[in-house]
Each structure stands twice: as C-alpha cells, then as structure tokens.
Amino acid sequence: MTLEPTNPMRPAAMSVLLFEVVVIWLAYIGMIQAEGISLAVAAFWCAVATLLCVAGIAGLRRRWGYLVGWAAQAVIIGLGVLTPWMYAMGIIFALIWVTCMVLGRRLETMHSDKERQ
C-alpha cells in the first residue's frame, strides 16, 4: 500500500519512521544492559533497522519507499527476538504505520471522488 506524494498522511508516515529510529537506539541500550546481547549483534540489527527507516523516509515520494517502510516494520518487530519489549513497541509502531496508510488511502479516495463531481 502506497500513498500519492501530495497526500497529507505522507509526513505522518515519515514521522513514524523517524520516531522508530529513536526507539531502536533506546532498545540498543536495553539489549546490551538488560538482555546481555553482544555489542556487535545489537549494533548490527539496530543499524539494519535504522537504515531501513532512513531509506524509507528518503523514498516516500516513490513506491519503493513504502516497500522499505513495510520492511522496516517487520525488522523492528523482529528486534523482539533480541529484547522482548520490542515486540510490543514494534507492533505499536506497525499499527500506527498501518493507520497512516489506511487514512491516507481514504483521503485519496475522498479527493478523487470530489474531483469527479
């Protein structure tokens, strides 16, 4: 599911990805301190998730940016393997991401219906 470049929900989707980067690196600290994950493993997976978020932000004007954003949601939920509270955080952010997509599509539909009239 993608949105048009002029869709007002696109900045909201960008914000979701940006805030996820903050949560990812807070999880990094928890992975090391609370879960005892090695620095290298935690850094690698947090870097992967961060790169997906940043690439998604950069590409939201095109279809591939949304595909990368969806992949980022899956990887962030997957970080729950390293620290269980990321399952919850990942699911919460994925739900916000889905909400942005659904509301954005509704806005596009309403806009196209008004243009036809």
PDB file of N, CA and C in Angstrom:
ATOM      1  N   MET A   1       0.848  -1.172   0.000  1.00  0.00           N
ATOM      2  CA  MET A   1       0.000   0.000   0.000  1.00  0.00           C
ATOM      3  C   MET A   1       0.896   1.238   0.000  1.00  0.00           C
ATOM      4  N   THR A   2       0.660   2.130  -0.930  1.00  0.00           N
ATOM      5  CA  THR A   2       1.438   3.361  -1.048  1.00  0.00           C
ATOM      6  C   THR A   2       0.495   4.562  -1.070  1.00  0.00           C
ATOM      7  N   LEU A   3       1.075   5.738  -0.924  1.00  0.00           N
ATOM      8  CA  LEU A   3       0.313   6.981  -0.962  1.00  0.00           C
ATOM      9  C   LEU A   3       0.874   7.884  -2.042  1.00  0.00           C
ATOM     10  N   GLU A   4       0.033   8.775  -2.540  1.00  0.00           N
ATOM     11  CA  GLU A   4       0.476   9.771  -3.512  1.00  0.00           C
ATOM     12  C   GLU A   4       1.450  10.739  -2.836  1.00  0.00           C
ATOM     13  N   PRO A   5       2.407  11.302  -3.593  1.00  0.00           N
ATOM     14  CA  PRO A   5       3.375  12.233  -2.988  1.00  0.00           C
ATOM     15  C   PRO A   5       2.746  13.460  -2.327  1.00  0.00           C
ATOM     16  N   THR A   6       1.555  13.847  -2.782  1.00  0.00           N
ATOM     17  CA  THR A   6       0.890  15.031  -2.210  1.00  0.00           C
ATOM     18  C   THR A   6      -0.029  14.694  -1.045  1.00  0.00           C
ATOM     19  N   ASN A   7      -0.120  13.429  -0.684  1.00  0.00           N
ATOM     20  CA  ASN A   7      -1.024  13.003   0.384  1.00  0.00           C
ATOM     21  C   ASN A   7      -0.587  13.599   1.721  1.00  0.00           C
ATOM     22  N   PRO A   8      -1.526  14.180   2.473  1.00  0.00           N
ATOM     23  CA  PRO A   8      -1.156  14.786   3.758  1.00  0.00           C
ATOM     24  C   PRO A   8      -0.725  13.772   4.827  1.00  0.00           C
ATOM     25  N   MET A   9      -0.953  12.490   4.603  1.00  0.00           N
ATOM     26  CA  MET A   9      -0.513  11.480   5.570  1.00  0.00           C
ATOM     27  C   MET A   9       0.950  11.070   5.340  1.00  0.00           C
ATOM     28  N   ARG A  10       1.546  11.496   4.249  1.00  0.00           N
ATOM     29  CA  ARG A  10       2.942  11.160   3.989  1.00  0.00           C
ATOM     30  C   ARG A  10       3.870  11.713   5.065  1.00  0.00           C
ATOM     31  N   PRO A  11       3.723  12.977   5.486  1.00  0.00           N
ATOM     32  CA  PRO A  11       4.565  13.461   6.601  1.00  0.00           C
ATOM     33  C   PRO A  11       4.354  12.664   7.894  1.00  0.00           C
ATOM     34  N   ALA A  12       3.138  12.197   8.128  1.00  0.00           N
ATOM     35  CA  ALA A  12       2.882  11.375   9.314  1.00  0.00           C
ATOM     36  C   ALA A  12       3.630  10.056   9.210  1.00  0.00           C
ATOM     37  N   ALA A  13       3.636   9.457   8.021  1.00  0.00           N
ATOM     38  CA  ALA A  13       4.383   8.213   7.821  1.00  0.00           C
ATOM     39  C   ALA A  13       5.879   8.449   8.019  1.00  0.00           C
ATOM     40  N   MET A  14       6.365   9.588   7.549  1.00  0.00           N
ATOM     41  CA  MET A  14       7.776   9.938   7.760  1.00  0.00           C
ATOM     42  C   MET A  14       8.074  10.050   9.254  1.00  0.00           C
ATOM     43  N   SER A  15       7.165  10.657   9.985  1.00  0.00           N
ATOM     44  CA  SER A  15       7.355  10.821  11.431  1.00  0.00           C
ATOM     45  C   SER A  15       7.397   9.477  12.146  1.00  0.00           C
ATOM     46  N   VAL A  16       6.568   8.547  11.709  1.00  0.00           N
ATOM     47  CA  VAL A  16       6.585   7.211  12.306  1.00  0.00           C
ATOM     48  C   VAL A  16       7.970   6.592  12.149  1.00  0.00           C
ATOM     49  N   LEU A  17       8.502   6.653  10.932  1.00  0.00           N
ATOM     50  CA  LEU A  17       9.828   6.076  10.683  1.00  0.00           C
ATOM     51  C   LEU A  17      10.908   6.800  11.484  1.00  0.00           C
ATOM     52  N   LEU A  18      10.797   8.105  11.602  1.00  0.00           N
ATOM     53  CA  LEU A  18      11.787   8.876  12.358  1.00  0.00           C
ATOM     54  C   LEU A  18      11.753   8.519  13.846  1.00  0.00           C
ATOM     55  N   PHE A  19      10.575   8.446  14.425  1.00  0.00           N
ATOM     56  CA  PHE A  19      10.464   8.092  15.840  1.00  0.00           C
ATOM     57  C   PHE A  19      10.892   6.647  16.099  1.00  0.00           C
ATOM     58  N   GLU A  20      10.719   5.801  15.096  1.00  0.00           N
ATOM     59  CA  GLU A  20      11.180   4.426  15.255  1.00  0.00           C
ATOM     60  C   GLU A  20      12.697   4.365  15.409  1.00  0.00           C
ATOM     61  N   VAL A  21      13.407   5.256  14.729  1.00  0.00           N
ATOM     62  CA  VAL A  21      14.871   5.294  14.874  1.00  0.00           C
ATOM     63  C   VAL A  21      15.243   5.581  16.324  1.00  0.00           C
ATOM     64  N   VAL A  22      14.548   6.505  16.943  1.00  0.00           N
ATOM     65  CA  VAL A  22      14.818   6.829  18.353  1.00  0.00           C
ATOM     66  C   VAL A  22      14.575   5.600  19.225  1.00  0.00           C
ATOM     67  N   VAL A  23      13.459   4.929  19.010  1.00  0.00           N
ATOM     68  CA  VAL A  23      13.118   3.747  19.811  1.00  0.00           C
ATOM     69  C   VAL A  23      14.126   2.618  19.570  1.00  0.00           C
ATOM     70  N   ILE A  24      14.568   2.466  18.338  1.00  0.00           N
ATOM     71  CA  ILE A  24      15.552   1.423  18.015  1.00  0.00           C
ATOM     72  C   ILE A  24      16.810   1.602  18.859  1.00  0.00           C
ATOM     73  N   TRP A  25      17.306   2.825  18.930  1.00  0.00           N
ATOM     74  CA  TRP A  25      18.560   3.037  19.663  1.00  0.00           C
ATOM     75  C   TRP A  25      18.362   3.048  21.170  1.00  0.00           C
ATOM     76  N   LEU A  26      17.169   3.319  21.644  1.00  0.00           N
ATOM     77  CA  LEU A  26      16.881   3.102  23.064  1.00  0.00           C
ATOM     78  C   LEU A  26      16.839   1.596  23.347  1.00  0.00           C
ATOM     79  N   ALA A  27      16.322   0.837  22.396  1.00  0.00           N
ATOM     80  CA  ALA A  27      16.307  -0.623  22.544  1.00  0.00           C
ATOM     81  C   ALA A  27      17.718  -1.185  22.529  1.00  0.00           C
ATOM     82  N   TYR A  28      18.604  -0.559  21.777  1.00  0.00           N
ATOM     83  CA  TYR A  28      20.009  -0.988  21.714  1.00  0.00           C
ATOM     84  C   TYR A  28      20.615  -1.019  23.121  1.00  0.00           C
ATOM     85  N   ILE A  29      20.350   0.023  23.872  1.00  0.00           N
ATOM     86  CA  ILE A  29      20.864   0.095  25.244  1.00  0.00           C
ATOM     87  C   ILE A  29      20.272  -1.037  26.085  1.00  0.00           C
ATOM     88  N   GLY A  30      18.966  -1.273  25.928  1.00  0.00           N
ATOM     89  CA  GLY A  30      18.325  -2.354  26.660  1.00  0.00           C
ATOM     90  C   GLY A  30      18.841  -3.723  26.258  1.00  0.00           C
ATOM     91  N   MET A  31      19.144  -3.890  24.975  1.00  0.00           N
ATOM     92  CA  MET A  31      19.682  -5.170  24.509  1.00  0.00           C
ATOM     93  C   MET A  31      20.997  -5.496  25.194  1.00  0.00           C
ATOM     94  N   ILE A  32      21.820  -4.490  25.333  1.00  0.00           N
ATOM     95  CA  ILE A  32      23.149  -4.695  25.914  1.00  0.00           C
ATOM     96  C   ILE A  32      23.072  -4.823  27.434  1.00  0.00           C
ATOM     97  N   GLN A  33      22.361  -3.895  28.078  1.00  0.00           N
ATOM     98  CA  GLN A  33      22.330  -3.844  29.533  1.00  0.00           C
ATOM     99  C   GLN A  33      21.426  -4.907  30.161  1.00  0.00           C
ATOM    100  N   ALA A  34      20.203  -5.010  29.671  1.00  0.00           N
ATOM    101  CA  ALA A  34      19.233  -5.893  30.322  1.00  0.00           C
ATOM    102  C   ALA A  34      19.247  -7.321  29.781  1.00  0.00           C
ATOM    103  N   GLU A  35      19.491  -7.463  28.482  1.00  0.00           N
ATOM    104  CA  GLU A  35      19.402  -8.786  27.872  1.00  0.00           C
ATOM    105  C   GLU A  35      20.757  -9.459  27.686  1.00  0.00           C
ATOM    106  N   GLY A  36      21.833  -8.707  27.820  1.00  0.00           N
ATOM    107  CA  GLY A  36      23.163  -9.281  27.675  1.00  0.00           C
ATOM    108  C   GLY A  36      23.547  -9.658  26.255  1.00  0.00           C
ATOM    109  N   ILE A  37      22.924  -9.022  25.276  1.00  0.00           N
ATOM    110  CA  ILE A  37      23.262  -9.260  23.870  1.00  0.00           C
ATOM    111  C   ILE A  37      24.617  -8.601  23.598  1.00  0.00           C
ATOM    112  N   SER A  38      25.434  -9.218  22.765  1.00  0.00           N
ATOM    113  CA  SER A  38      26.754  -8.636  22.476  1.00  0.00           C
ATOM    114  C   SER A  38      26.604  -7.317  21.726  1.00  0.00           C
ATOM    115  N   LEU A  39      27.596  -6.453  21.905  1.00  0.00           N
ATOM    116  CA  LEU A  39      27.577  -5.149  21.244  1.00  0.00           C
ATOM    117  C   LEU A  39      27.452  -5.286  19.734  1.00  0.00           C
ATOM    118  N   ALA A  40      28.194  -6.210  19.157  1.00  0.00           N
ATOM    119  CA  ALA A  40      28.221  -6.367  17.707  1.00  0.00           C
ATOM    120  C   ALA A  40      26.862  -6.802  17.164  1.00  0.00           C
ATOM    121  N   VAL A  41      26.241  -7.766  17.797  1.00  0.00           N
ATOM    122  CA  VAL A  41      24.940  -8.262  17.338  1.00  0.00           C
ATOM    123  C   VAL A  41      23.886  -7.163  17.468  1.00  0.00           C
ATOM    124  N   ALA A  42      23.847  -6.519  18.624  1.00  0.00           N
ATOM    125  CA  ALA A  42      22.871  -5.451  18.851  1.00  0.00           C
ATOM    126  C   ALA A  42      23.091  -4.303  17.874  1.00  0.00           C
ATOM    127  N   ALA A  43      24.332  -3.893  17.687  1.00  0.00           N
ATOM    128  CA  ALA A  43      24.631  -2.788  16.772  1.00  0.00           C
ATOM    129  C   ALA A  43      24.262  -3.144  15.338  1.00  0.00           C
ATOM    130  N   PHE A  44      24.548  -4.369  14.922  1.00  0.00           N
ATOM    131  CA  PHE A  44      24.240  -4.781  13.550  1.00  0.00           C
ATOM    132  C   PHE A  44      22.743  -4.698  13.272  1.00  0.00           C
ATOM    133  N   TRP A  45      21.931  -5.316  14.136  1.00  0.00           N
ATOM    134  CA  TRP A  45      20.491  -5.350  13.882  1.00  0.00           C
ATOM    135  C   TRP A  45      19.840  -3.984  14.060  1.00  0.00           C
ATOM    136  N   CYS A  46      20.340  -3.187  14.987  1.00  0.00           N
ATOM    137  CA  CYS A  46      19.820  -1.821  15.133  1.00  0.00           C
ATOM    138  C   CYS A  46      20.204  -0.965  13.924  1.00  0.00           C
ATOM    139  N   ALA A  47      21.402  -1.183  13.395  1.00  0.00           N
ATOM    140  CA  ALA A  47      21.825  -0.454  12.195  1.00  0.00           C
ATOM    141  C   ALA A  47      20.977  -0.850  10.990  1.00  0.00           C
ATOM    142  N   VAL A  48      20.678  -2.131  10.851  1.00  0.00           N
ATOM    143  CA  VAL A  48      19.831  -2.589   9.743  1.00  0.00           C
ATOM    144  C   VAL A  48      18.461  -1.917   9.825  1.00  0.00           C
ATOM    145  N   ALA A  49      17.857  -1.942  11.002  1.00  0.00           N
ATOM    146  CA  ALA A  49      16.541  -1.336  11.185  1.00  0.00           C
ATOM    147  C   ALA A  49      16.594   0.173  10.931  1.00  0.00           C
ATOM    148  N   THR A  50      17.653   0.817  11.408  1.00  0.00           N
ATOM    149  CA  THR A  50      17.804   2.261  11.202  1.00  0.00           C
ATOM    150  C   THR A  50      17.956   2.588   9.725  1.00  0.00           C
ATOM    151  N   LEU A  51      18.775   1.840   9.017  1.00  0.00           N
ATOM    152  CA  LEU A  51      18.970   2.085   7.585  1.00  0.00           C
ATOM    153  C   LEU A  51      17.667   1.902   6.811  1.00  0.00           C
ATOM    154  N   LEU A  52      16.890   0.905   7.187  1.00  0.00           N
ATOM    155  CA  LEU A  52      15.592   0.733   6.528  1.00  0.00           C
ATOM    156  C   LEU A  52      14.680   1.927   6.783  1.00  0.00           C
ATOM    157  N   CYS A  53      14.655   2.424   8.015  1.00  0.00           N
ATOM    158  CA  CYS A  53      13.825   3.591   8.336  1.00  0.00           C
ATOM    159  C   CYS A  53      14.282   4.825   7.560  1.00  0.00           C
ATOM    160  N   VAL A  54      15.574   5.066   7.547  1.00  0.00           N
ATOM    161  CA  VAL A  54      16.107   6.247   6.856  1.00  0.00           C
ATOM    162  C   VAL A  54      15.873   6.141   5.347  1.00  0.00           C
ATOM    163  N   ALA A  55      16.096   4.952   4.782  1.00  0.00           N
ATOM    164  CA  ALA A  55      15.833   4.754   3.351  1.00  0.00           C
ATOM    165  C   ALA A  55      14.350   4.934   3.057  1.00  0.00           C
ATOM    166  N   GLY A  56      13.505   4.441   3.962  1.00  0.00           N
ATOM    167  CA  GLY A  56      12.066   4.621   3.787  1.00  0.00           C
ATOM    168  C   GLY A  56      11.671   6.084   3.798  1.00  0.00           C
ATOM    169  N   ILE A  57      12.240   6.850   4.722  1.00  0.00           N
ATOM    170  CA  ILE A  57      11.967   8.287   4.782  1.00  0.00           C
ATOM    171  C   ILE A  57      12.383   8.951   3.474  1.00  0.00           C
ATOM    172  N   ALA A  58      13.560   8.608   2.996  1.00  0.00           N
ATOM    173  CA  ALA A  58      14.078   9.214   1.762  1.00  0.00           C
ATOM    174  C   ALA A  58      13.248   8.835   0.539  1.00  0.00           C
ATOM    175  N   GLY A  59      12.624   7.670   0.563  1.00  0.00           N
ATOM    176  CA  GLY A  59      11.924   7.195  -0.613  1.00  0.00           C
ATOM    177  C   GLY A  59      10.420   7.317  -0.595  1.00  0.00           C
ATOM    178  N   LEU A  60       9.853   8.014   0.361  1.00  0.00           N
ATOM    179  CA  LEU A  60       8.401   8.058   0.451  1.00  0.00           C
ATOM    180  C   LEU A  60       7.724   8.829  -0.679  1.00  0.00           C
ATOM    181  N   ARG A  61       8.472   9.438  -1.541  1.00  0.00           N
ATOM    182  CA  ARG A  61       7.871  10.069  -2.723  1.00  0.00           C
ATOM    183  C   ARG A  61       7.663   9.062  -3.842  1.00  0.00           C
ATOM    184  N   ARG A  62       8.219   7.866  -3.647  1.00  0.00           N
ATOM    185  CA  ARG A  62       8.113   6.815  -4.660  1.00  0.00           C
ATOM    186  C   ARG A  62       7.607   5.529  -4.011  1.00  0.00           C
ATOM    187  N   ARG A  63       7.183   4.609  -4.845  1.00  0.00           N
ATOM    188  CA  ARG A  63       6.628   3.339  -4.370  1.00  0.00           C
ATOM    189  C   ARG A  63       7.632   2.549  -3.541  1.00  0.00           C
ATOM    190  N   TRP A  64       8.893   2.536  -3.928  1.00  0.00           N
ATOM    191  CA  TRP A  64       9.890   1.719  -3.224  1.00  0.00           C
ATOM    192  C   TRP A  64      10.068   2.170  -1.783  1.00  0.00           C
ATOM    193  N   GLY A  65       9.853   3.444  -1.498  1.00  0.00           N
ATOM    194  CA  GLY A  65       9.989   3.937  -0.125  1.00  0.00           C
ATOM    195  C   GLY A  65       8.983   3.296   0.817  1.00  0.00           C
ATOM    196  N   TYR A  66       7.778   3.063   0.307  1.00  0.00           N
ATOM    197  CA  TYR A  66       6.758   2.406   1.124  1.00  0.00           C
ATOM    198  C   TYR A  66       7.090   0.938   1.338  1.00  0.00           C
ATOM    199  N   LEU A  67       7.629   0.293   0.313  1.00  0.00           N
ATOM    200  CA  LEU A  67       8.042  -1.105   0.464  1.00  0.00           C
ATOM    201  C   LEU A  67       9.140  -1.226   1.523  1.00  0.00           C
ATOM    202  N   VAL A  68      10.083  -0.292   1.499  1.00  0.00           N
ATOM    203  CA  VAL A  68      11.142  -0.287   2.510  1.00  0.00           C
ATOM    204  C   VAL A  68      10.558   0.012   3.889  1.00  0.00           C
ATOM    205  N   GLY A  69       9.575   0.907   3.954  1.00  0.00           N
ATOM    206  CA  GLY A  69       8.907   1.209   5.225  1.00  0.00           C
ATOM    207  C   GLY A  69       8.206  -0.011   5.803  1.00  0.00           C
ATOM    208  N   TRP A  70       7.558  -0.794   4.942  1.00  0.00           N
ATOM    209  CA  TRP A  70       6.923  -2.032   5.402  1.00  0.00           C
ATOM    210  C   TRP A  70       7.978  -3.017   5.900  1.00  0.00           C
ATOM    211  N   ALA A  71       9.092  -3.103   5.181  1.00  0.00           N
ATOM    212  CA  ALA A  71      10.177  -3.999   5.615  1.00  0.00           C
ATOM    213  C   ALA A  71      10.722  -3.555   6.973  1.00  0.00           C
ATOM    214  N   ALA A  72      10.830  -2.239   7.163  1.00  0.00           N
ATOM    215  CA  ALA A  72      11.306  -1.711   8.444  1.00  0.00           C
ATOM    216  C   ALA A  72      10.375  -2.141   9.578  1.00  0.00           C
ATOM    217  N   GLN A  73       9.069  -2.128   9.327  1.00  0.00           N
ATOM    218  CA  GLN A  73       8.124  -2.543  10.371  1.00  0.00           C
ATOM    219  C   GLN A  73       8.384  -3.992  10.770  1.00  0.00           C
ATOM    220  N   ALA A  74       8.616  -4.851   9.777  1.00  0.00           N
ATOM    221  CA  ALA A  74       8.869  -6.267  10.068  1.00  0.00           C
ATOM    222  C   ALA A  74      10.160  -6.456  10.851  1.00  0.00           C
ATOM    223  N   VAL A  75      11.216  -5.741  10.460  1.00  0.00           N
ATOM    224  CA  VAL A  75      12.508  -5.872  11.149  1.00  0.00           C
ATOM    225  C   VAL A  75      12.404  -5.354  12.580  1.00  0.00           C
ATOM    226  N   ILE A  76      11.682  -4.264  12.773  1.00  0.00           N
ATOM    227  CA  ILE A  76      11.559  -3.697  14.118  1.00  0.00           C
ATOM    228  C   ILE A  76      10.788  -4.650  15.031  1.00  0.00           C
ATOM    229  N   ILE A  77       9.737  -5.260  14.521  1.00  0.00           N
ATOM    230  CA  ILE A  77       9.049  -6.281  15.320  1.00  0.00           C
ATOM    231  C   ILE A  77      10.012  -7.431  15.601  1.00  0.00           C
ATOM    232  N   GLY A  78      10.813  -7.795  14.606  1.00  0.00           N
ATOM    233  CA  GLY A  78      11.789  -8.868  14.768  1.00  0.00           C
ATOM    234  C   GLY A  78      12.860  -8.575  15.806  1.00  0.00           C
ATOM    235  N   LEU A  79      13.087  -7.301  16.119  1.00  0.00           N
ATOM    236  CA  LEU A  79      14.047  -6.965  17.174  1.00  0.00           C
ATOM    237  C   LEU A  79      13.599  -7.508  18.530  1.00  0.00           C
ATOM    238  N   GLY A  80      12.337  -7.905  18.603  1.00  0.00           N
ATOM    239  CA  GLY A  80      11.834  -8.523  19.829  1.00  0.00           C
ATOM    240  C   GLY A  80      12.561  -9.816  20.172  1.00  0.00           C
ATOM    241  N   VAL A  81      13.195 -10.433  19.190  1.00  0.00           N
ATOM    242  CA  VAL A  81      14.000 -11.630  19.460  1.00  0.00           C
ATOM    243  C   VAL A  81      15.168 -11.268  20.374  1.00  0.00           C
ATOM    244  N   LEU A  82      15.694 -10.059  20.198  1.00  0.00           N
ATOM    245  CA  LEU A  82      16.836  -9.626  20.998  1.00  0.00           C
ATOM    246  C   LEU A  82      16.432  -9.011  22.331  1.00  0.00           C
ATOM    247  N   THR A  83      15.328  -8.330  22.361  1.00  0.00           N
ATOM    248  CA  THR A  83      14.808  -7.773  23.609  1.00  0.00           C
ATOM    249  C   THR A  83      13.280  -7.778  23.518  1.00  0.00           C
ATOM    250  N   PRO A  84      12.620  -8.584  24.328  1.00  0.00           N
ATOM    251  CA  PRO A  84      11.183  -8.839  24.171  1.00  0.00           C
ATOM    252  C   PRO A  84      10.273  -7.614  24.145  1.00  0.00           C
ATOM    253  N   TRP A  85      10.619  -6.543  24.810  1.00  0.00           N
ATOM    254  CA  TRP A  85       9.727  -5.381  24.800  1.00  0.00           C
ATOM    255  C   TRP A  85       9.632  -4.754  23.411  1.00  0.00           C
ATOM    256  N   MET A  86      10.570  -5.092  22.518  1.00  0.00           N
ATOM    257  CA  MET A  86      10.490  -4.575  21.153  1.00  0.00           C
ATOM    258  C   MET A  86       9.363  -5.234  20.357  1.00  0.00           C
ATOM    259  N   TYR A  87       8.905  -6.402  20.790  1.00  0.00           N
ATOM    260  CA  TYR A  87       7.705  -6.954  20.153  1.00  0.00           C
ATOM    261  C   TYR A  87       6.555  -5.961  20.308  1.00  0.00           C
ATOM    262  N   ALA A  88       6.359  -5.493  21.531  1.00  0.00           N
ATOM    263  CA  ALA A  88       5.275  -4.550  21.801  1.00  0.00           C
ATOM    264  C   ALA A  88       5.493  -3.231  21.073  1.00  0.00           C
ATOM    265  N   MET A  89       6.694  -2.685  21.171  1.00  0.00           N
ATOM    266  CA  MET A  89       6.965  -1.401  20.512  1.00  0.00           C
ATOM    267  C   MET A  89       6.840  -1.529  18.993  1.00  0.00           C
ATOM    268  N   GLY A  90       7.349  -2.617  18.458  1.00  0.00           N
ATOM    269  CA  GLY A  90       7.261  -2.832  17.013  1.00  0.00           C
ATOM    270  C   GLY A  90       5.829  -2.956  16.543  1.00  0.00           C
ATOM    271  N   ILE A  91       5.020  -3.678  17.295  1.00  0.00           N
ATOM    272  CA  ILE A  91       3.611  -3.834  16.926  1.00  0.00           C
ATOM    273  C   ILE A  91       2.880  -2.500  17.033  1.00  0.00           C
ATOM    274  N   ILE A  92       3.162  -1.736  18.077  1.00  0.00           N
ATOM    275  CA  ILE A  92       2.522  -0.418  18.227  1.00  0.00           C
ATOM    276  C   ILE A  92       2.864   0.481  17.046  1.00  0.00           C
ATOM    277  N   PHE A  93       4.149   0.566  16.694  1.00  0.00           N
ATOM    278  CA  PHE A  93       4.540   1.405  15.566  1.00  0.00           C
ATOM    279  C   PHE A  93       4.001   0.868  14.250  1.00  0.00           C
ATOM    280  N   ALA A  94       3.941  -0.440  14.094  1.00  0.00           N
ATOM    281  CA  ALA A  94       3.373  -1.013  12.867  1.00  0.00           C
ATOM    282  C   ALA A  94       1.889  -0.657  12.751  1.00  0.00           C
ATOM    283  N   LEU A  95       1.179  -0.661  13.868  1.00  0.00           N
ATOM    284  CA  LEU A  95      -0.228  -0.257  13.843  1.00  0.00           C
ATOM    285  C   LEU A  95      -0.383   1.215  13.477  1.00  0.00           C
ATOM    286  N   ILE A  96       0.508   2.049  13.975  1.00  0.00           N
ATOM    287  CA  ILE A  96       0.469   3.470  13.607  1.00  0.00           C
ATOM    288  C   ILE A  96       0.768   3.622  12.115  1.00  0.00           C
ATOM    289  N   TRP A  97       1.741   2.852  11.608  1.00  0.00           N
ATOM    290  CA  TRP A  97       2.094   2.871  10.183  1.00  0.00           C
ATOM    291  C   TRP A  97       0.875   2.456   9.334  1.00  0.00           C
ATOM    292  N   VAL A  98       0.215   1.373   9.732  1.00  0.00           N
ATOM    293  CA  VAL A  98      -0.969   0.907   9.010  1.00  0.00           C
ATOM    294  C   VAL A  98      -2.066   1.967   9.049  1.00  0.00           C
ATOM    295  N   THR A  99      -2.245   2.612  10.190  1.00  0.00           N
ATOM    296  CA  THR A  99      -3.239   3.673  10.305  1.00  0.00           C
ATOM    297  C   THR A  99      -2.942   4.816   9.342  1.00  0.00           C
ATOM    298  N   CYS A 100      -1.677   5.196   9.235  1.00  0.00           N
ATOM    299  CA  CYS A 100      -1.288   6.239   8.269  1.00  0.00           C
ATOM    300  C   CYS A 100      -1.649   5.831   6.849  1.00  0.00           C
ATOM    301  N   MET A 101      -1.397   4.583   6.515  1.00  0.00           N
ATOM    302  CA  MET A 101      -1.692   4.105   5.165  1.00  0.00           C
ATOM    303  C   MET A 101      -3.201   4.068   4.905  1.00  0.00           C
ATOM    304  N   VAL A 102      -3.962   3.563   5.856  1.00  0.00           N
ATOM    305  CA  VAL A 102      -5.417   3.455   5.680  1.00  0.00           C
ATOM    306  C   VAL A 102      -6.051   4.842   5.588  1.00  0.00           C
ATOM    307  N   LEU A 103      -5.691   5.734   6.506  1.00  0.00           N
ATOM    308  CA  LEU A 103      -6.253   7.085   6.469  1.00  0.00           C
ATOM    309  C   LEU A 103      -5.808   7.828   5.215  1.00  0.00           C
ATOM    310  N   GLY A 104      -4.572   7.625   4.808  1.00  0.00           N
ATOM    311  CA  GLY A 104      -4.079   8.258   3.585  1.00  0.00           C
ATOM    312  C   GLY A 104      -4.852   7.805   2.358  1.00  0.00           C
ATOM    313  N   ARG A 105      -5.136   6.504   2.274  1.00  0.00           N
ATOM    314  CA  ARG A 105      -5.926   5.980   1.156  1.00  0.00           C
ATOM    315  C   ARG A 105      -7.340   6.553   1.176  1.00  0.00           C
ATOM    316  N   ARG A 106      -7.915   6.671   2.366  1.00  0.00           N
ATOM    317  CA  ARG A 106      -9.258   7.251   2.468  1.00  0.00           C
ATOM    318  C   ARG A 106      -9.258   8.690   1.979  1.00  0.00           C
ATOM    319  N   LEU A 107      -8.229   9.449   2.341  1.00  0.00           N
ATOM    320  CA  LEU A 107      -8.130  10.835   1.867  1.00  0.00           C
ATOM    321  C   LEU A 107      -8.005  10.891   0.355  1.00  0.00           C
ATOM    322  N   GLU A 108      -7.215   9.997  -0.214  1.00  0.00           N
ATOM    323  CA  GLU A 108      -7.067   9.966  -1.668  1.00  0.00           C
ATOM    324  C   GLU A 108      -8.384   9.627  -2.350  1.00  0.00           C
ATOM    325  N   THR A 109      -9.125   8.694  -1.771  1.00  0.00           N
ATOM    326  CA  THR A 109     -10.420   8.307  -2.334  1.00  0.00           C
ATOM    327  C   THR A 109     -11.403   9.469  -2.261  1.00  0.00           C
ATOM    328  N   MET A 110     -11.444  10.153  -1.127  1.00  0.00           N
ATOM    329  CA  MET A 110     -12.336  11.299  -0.983  1.00  0.00           C
ATOM    330  C   MET A 110     -11.974  12.394  -1.974  1.00  0.00           C
ATOM    331  N   HIS A 111     -10.678  12.619  -2.142  1.00  0.00           N
ATOM    332  CA  HIS A 111     -10.215  13.664  -3.066  1.00  0.00           C
ATOM    333  C   HIS A 111     -10.586  13.315  -4.501  1.00  0.00           C
ATOM    334  N   SER A 112     -10.396  12.070  -4.893  1.00  0.00           N
ATOM    335  CA  SER A 112     -10.734  11.683  -6.266  1.00  0.00           C
ATOM    336  C   SER A 112     -12.239  11.717  -6.492  1.00  0.00           C
ATOM    337  N   ASP A 113     -13.042  11.384  -5.470  1.00  0.00           N
ATOM    338  CA  ASP A 113     -14.500  11.463  -5.595  1.00  0.00           C
ATOM    339  C   ASP A 113     -14.954  12.900  -5.787  1.00  0.00           C
ATOM    340  N   LYS A 114     -14.319  13.840  -5.079  1.00  0.00           N
ATOM    341  CA  LYS A 114     -14.683  15.263  -5.222  1.00  0.00           C
ATOM    342  C   LYS A 114     -14.308  15.780  -6.604  1.00  0.00           C
ATOM    343  N   GLU A 115     -13.190  15.294  -7.164  1.00  0.00           N
ATOM    344  CA  GLU A 115     -12.782  15.735  -8.496  1.00  0.00           C
ATOM    345  C   GLU A 115     -13.745  15.260  -9.566  1.00  0.00           C
ATOM    346  N   ARG A 116     -14.347  14.097  -9.378  1.00  0.00           N
ATOM    347  CA  ARG A 116     -15.295  13.561 -10.358  1.00  0.00           C
ATOM    348  C   ARG A 116     -16.603  14.347 -10.382  1.00  0.00           C
ATOM    349  N   GLN A 117     -16.945  14.986  -9.265  1.00  0.00           N
ATOM    350  CA  GLN A 117     -18.226  15.695  -9.184  1.00  0.00           C
ATOM    351  C   GLN A 117     -18.201  16.992  -9.890  1.00  0.00           C
TER     352      GLN A 117
END
